[in-house]
Protein backbone atom coordinates (compact mmCIF):
# COMPACT_ATOMS: atom_id res chain seq x y z
CA MET A 1 -12.92 60.72 30.63
CA LYS A 2 -11.79 59.79 34.18
CA TYR A 3 -8.73 57.86 35.03
CA TYR A 4 -7.76 56.63 38.46
CA TYR A 5 -4.50 55.00 39.51
CA PHE A 6 -5.25 52.98 42.67
CA ASP A 7 -2.59 51.56 44.98
CA ALA A 8 -3.60 48.45 47.01
CA SER A 9 -4.62 50.50 50.01
CA VAL A 10 -7.65 51.97 47.87
CA LEU A 11 -8.26 48.90 45.84
CA VAL A 12 -8.81 46.77 48.66
CA LYS A 13 -11.63 49.03 49.89
CA GLY A 14 -13.67 47.85 46.80
CA TYR A 15 -13.61 44.23 48.43
CA LEU A 16 -13.52 44.61 52.09
CA TRP A 17 -15.42 47.06 54.27
CA GLU A 18 -13.24 49.82 55.78
CA GLU A 19 -13.26 53.55 55.71
CA GLY A 20 -13.72 54.75 52.16
CA SER A 21 -15.06 51.61 50.73
CA GLU A 22 -18.34 53.35 49.48
CA ASP A 23 -16.22 55.93 47.56
CA VAL A 24 -14.23 53.07 46.00
CA CYS A 25 -17.15 51.04 45.19
CA THR A 26 -18.73 53.80 43.42
CA VAL A 27 -15.66 54.57 41.23
CA LEU A 28 -15.40 50.67 40.53
CA ARG A 29 -19.10 50.43 39.55
CA ALA A 30 -18.54 53.48 37.18
CA VAL A 31 -15.46 51.94 35.59
CA ARG A 32 -17.09 48.48 34.69
CA ALA A 33 -20.11 50.34 33.76
CA ALA A 34 -18.50 52.72 31.40
CA PRO A 35 -15.13 51.66 29.84
CA PRO A 36 -13.28 53.54 28.30
CA GLU A 37 -14.81 56.76 29.71
CA ALA A 38 -13.72 55.68 33.21
CA ARG A 39 -10.66 53.53 33.81
CA VAL A 40 -8.76 52.23 36.80
CA VAL A 41 -5.09 51.71 36.50
CA THR A 42 -2.80 49.76 38.87
CA SER A 43 0.15 47.86 39.26
CA SER A 44 0.18 44.05 38.97
CA LEU A 45 1.82 44.29 42.57
CA ALA A 46 -1.66 45.71 43.90
CA PHE A 47 -3.00 42.26 43.17
CA VAL A 48 -0.53 40.52 45.54
CA GLU A 49 -1.02 43.34 47.93
CA ALA A 50 -4.66 43.01 47.93
CA VAL A 51 -4.65 39.18 48.28
CA SER A 52 -2.22 39.50 51.27
CA ALA A 53 -4.93 41.77 52.80
CA VAL A 54 -7.49 39.33 52.47
CA SER A 55 -5.30 36.56 53.77
CA ARG A 56 -4.46 38.72 56.70
CA ARG A 57 -8.20 39.11 57.48
CA THR A 58 -8.66 35.53 57.31
CA PHE A 59 -5.87 34.63 59.75
CA LYS A 60 -7.16 37.21 62.05
CA GLY A 61 -10.62 35.60 61.84
CA GLU A 62 -12.43 38.64 60.41
CA ILE A 63 -13.51 36.82 57.41
CA THR A 64 -14.19 33.17 56.42
CA GLU A 65 -12.09 31.27 54.21
CA GLU A 66 -15.17 31.16 51.85
CA GLN A 67 -15.49 34.80 51.82
CA ALA A 68 -11.74 35.32 51.30
CA ASP A 69 -12.10 32.77 48.17
CA ASP A 70 -14.97 34.79 46.86
CA VAL A 71 -12.82 38.03 47.30
CA ARG A 72 -9.63 36.69 45.46
CA LYS A 73 -12.09 35.37 42.55
CA ARG A 74 -13.71 38.89 42.27
CA LEU A 75 -10.30 40.42 42.46
CA LEU A 76 -8.65 38.32 39.46
CA ALA A 77 -11.71 38.95 37.39
CA HIS A 78 -11.70 42.59 38.01
CA PHE A 79 -8.20 42.71 37.11
CA ALA A 80 -9.02 41.89 33.57
CA VAL A 81 -11.13 45.06 33.57
CA TYR A 82 -8.43 47.27 35.06
CA HIS A 83 -5.35 48.55 33.23
CA VAL A 84 -2.55 46.78 34.70
CA LEU A 85 1.10 48.01 34.54
CA GLU A 86 4.30 45.63 35.05
CA PRO A 87 7.06 47.05 36.92
CA LYS A 88 9.61 46.79 34.23
CA LEU A 89 13.32 48.05 34.55
CA GLY A 90 12.45 51.83 33.44
CA LEU A 91 9.68 52.00 35.86
CA VAL A 92 11.67 50.38 38.67
CA LYS A 93 14.62 52.97 37.97
CA GLY A 94 11.96 55.76 38.22
CA ALA A 95 10.65 54.36 41.52
CA ALA A 96 14.24 54.15 42.80
CA GLU A 97 14.39 58.01 42.06
CA LEU A 98 11.22 58.65 43.64
CA THR A 99 12.25 56.82 46.88
CA ARG A 100 15.17 59.37 47.41
CA ARG A 101 13.14 62.37 46.31
CA HIS A 102 10.00 61.74 48.60
CA ARG A 103 11.43 59.15 51.12
CA LEU A 104 9.08 56.64 50.15
CA ARG A 105 8.84 52.78 50.79
CA ALA A 106 9.80 50.81 47.90
CA ILE A 107 6.38 49.59 47.05
CA ASP A 108 4.86 53.06 47.43
CA ALA A 109 7.50 54.41 44.97
CA ILE A 110 6.53 51.61 42.38
CA HIS A 111 2.82 52.79 42.81
CA LEU A 112 3.74 56.24 42.39
CA ALA A 113 6.06 55.57 39.35
CA SER A 114 3.43 53.38 37.94
CA GLY A 115 0.74 56.28 38.30
CA LEU A 116 3.21 58.95 36.75
CA ALA A 117 3.71 56.42 33.80
CA ALA A 118 -0.05 55.86 33.38
CA ARG A 119 -0.60 59.56 33.45
CA ARG A 120 2.12 60.05 30.60
CA GLN A 121 0.01 57.42 28.61
CA ALA A 122 -3.52 58.83 29.14
CA PRO A 123 -5.00 61.45 26.94
CA VAL A 124 -3.87 64.94 27.89
CA TRP A 125 -7.45 66.00 28.53
CA ALA A 126 -8.30 63.15 30.87
CA ASN A 127 -9.23 63.69 34.34
CA PHE A 128 -6.49 61.62 36.04
CA GLN A 129 -6.53 60.95 39.77
CA PHE A 130 -4.01 59.10 42.00
CA GLY A 131 -5.72 56.98 44.69
CA SER A 132 -4.12 56.12 47.73
CA ALA A 133 -4.99 56.02 51.77
CA ASP A 134 -1.44 56.43 52.66
CA ARG A 135 -0.57 60.00 53.77
CA ARG A 136 2.99 60.14 52.87
CA LEU A 137 2.23 58.73 49.48
CA ASN A 138 -0.44 61.22 48.84
CA VAL A 139 1.84 63.93 49.92
CA ALA A 140 4.41 62.74 47.33
CA ALA A 141 1.70 62.24 44.51
CA THR A 142 0.47 65.98 45.28
CA ALA A 143 4.15 67.16 44.79
CA GLU A 144 4.03 65.20 41.38
CA GLN A 145 1.13 67.20 40.48
CA PHE A 146 -1.58 64.57 40.85
CA ASP A 147 -5.17 65.23 42.11
CA VAL A 148 -5.35 62.81 44.92
CA PHE A 149 -8.47 60.57 45.44
CA ASN A 150 -8.33 59.47 49.13
CA PRO A 151 -11.56 57.82 50.22
CA SER A 152 -12.92 58.85 53.32
CA THR A 153 -16.58 57.72 53.73
CA PRO A 154 -17.33 55.66 56.81
CA VAL A 155 -18.55 52.22 56.61
CA PRO A 156 -22.29 52.11 55.92
CA PRO A 157 -24.22 51.40 59.30
CA GLY A 158 -25.74 47.97 59.65
CA THR A 159 -23.19 46.52 57.30
CA SER A 160 -23.58 42.73 58.08
CA THR A 161 -20.51 41.39 56.52
CA PRO A 162 -16.85 42.48 56.35
CA VAL A 163 -16.65 41.78 52.46
CA THR A 164 -18.24 44.43 50.21
CA PRO A 165 -20.85 43.42 47.77
CA SER A 166 -20.08 42.86 44.25
CA ALA A 167 -19.19 46.41 43.23
C-alpha cells in the first residue's frame, strides 16, 4: 500500500501544467484507480492554497476563467477521494514546534505536522512518502524520517493548454 502526503505545491501540479505534473498525475490516477491500495493525504488548507494558485494564474492571464472553473470543480471533486486532515489544536501545536525545530513557514509546518499525523495513522507496513516541491520543507521532512516525493518531470512537449487533463 502506498500513501502520499501532498502539500499544495505538489497537489496543484495535478491540475496545472508545470514541472513535475506528469509524476503527480501518475500518482493521482493510481490513487483514484486503486483505493485503498494507494492513498493521497493532504490538509484542508491545501485546497485553499491550490484554489489560490489557480486564481493567481487567472489574474495573470495564463488561464481563462472557464479553465479556472474547471480546475476548481475537479479539485473539489477529487478532495472527496483524498484523505483530508483538518488542522485541529493538537496538530497546530505540533506545527508550532516544527517551525522552531526546522525554521519553517507556518503553512509548511502545518503540512509537515499533517504528514506526521497521517503517517502515525497509516499501517506500519505502508510505503509513506511526503510530497512537496519546496526545498526547505523537503529537508525538514527528511529530518523527520520521511521518504520525499519531489516531482521533477518536465512539462510534456507540445502541451497546448496550461491545464492538465483530468488525471
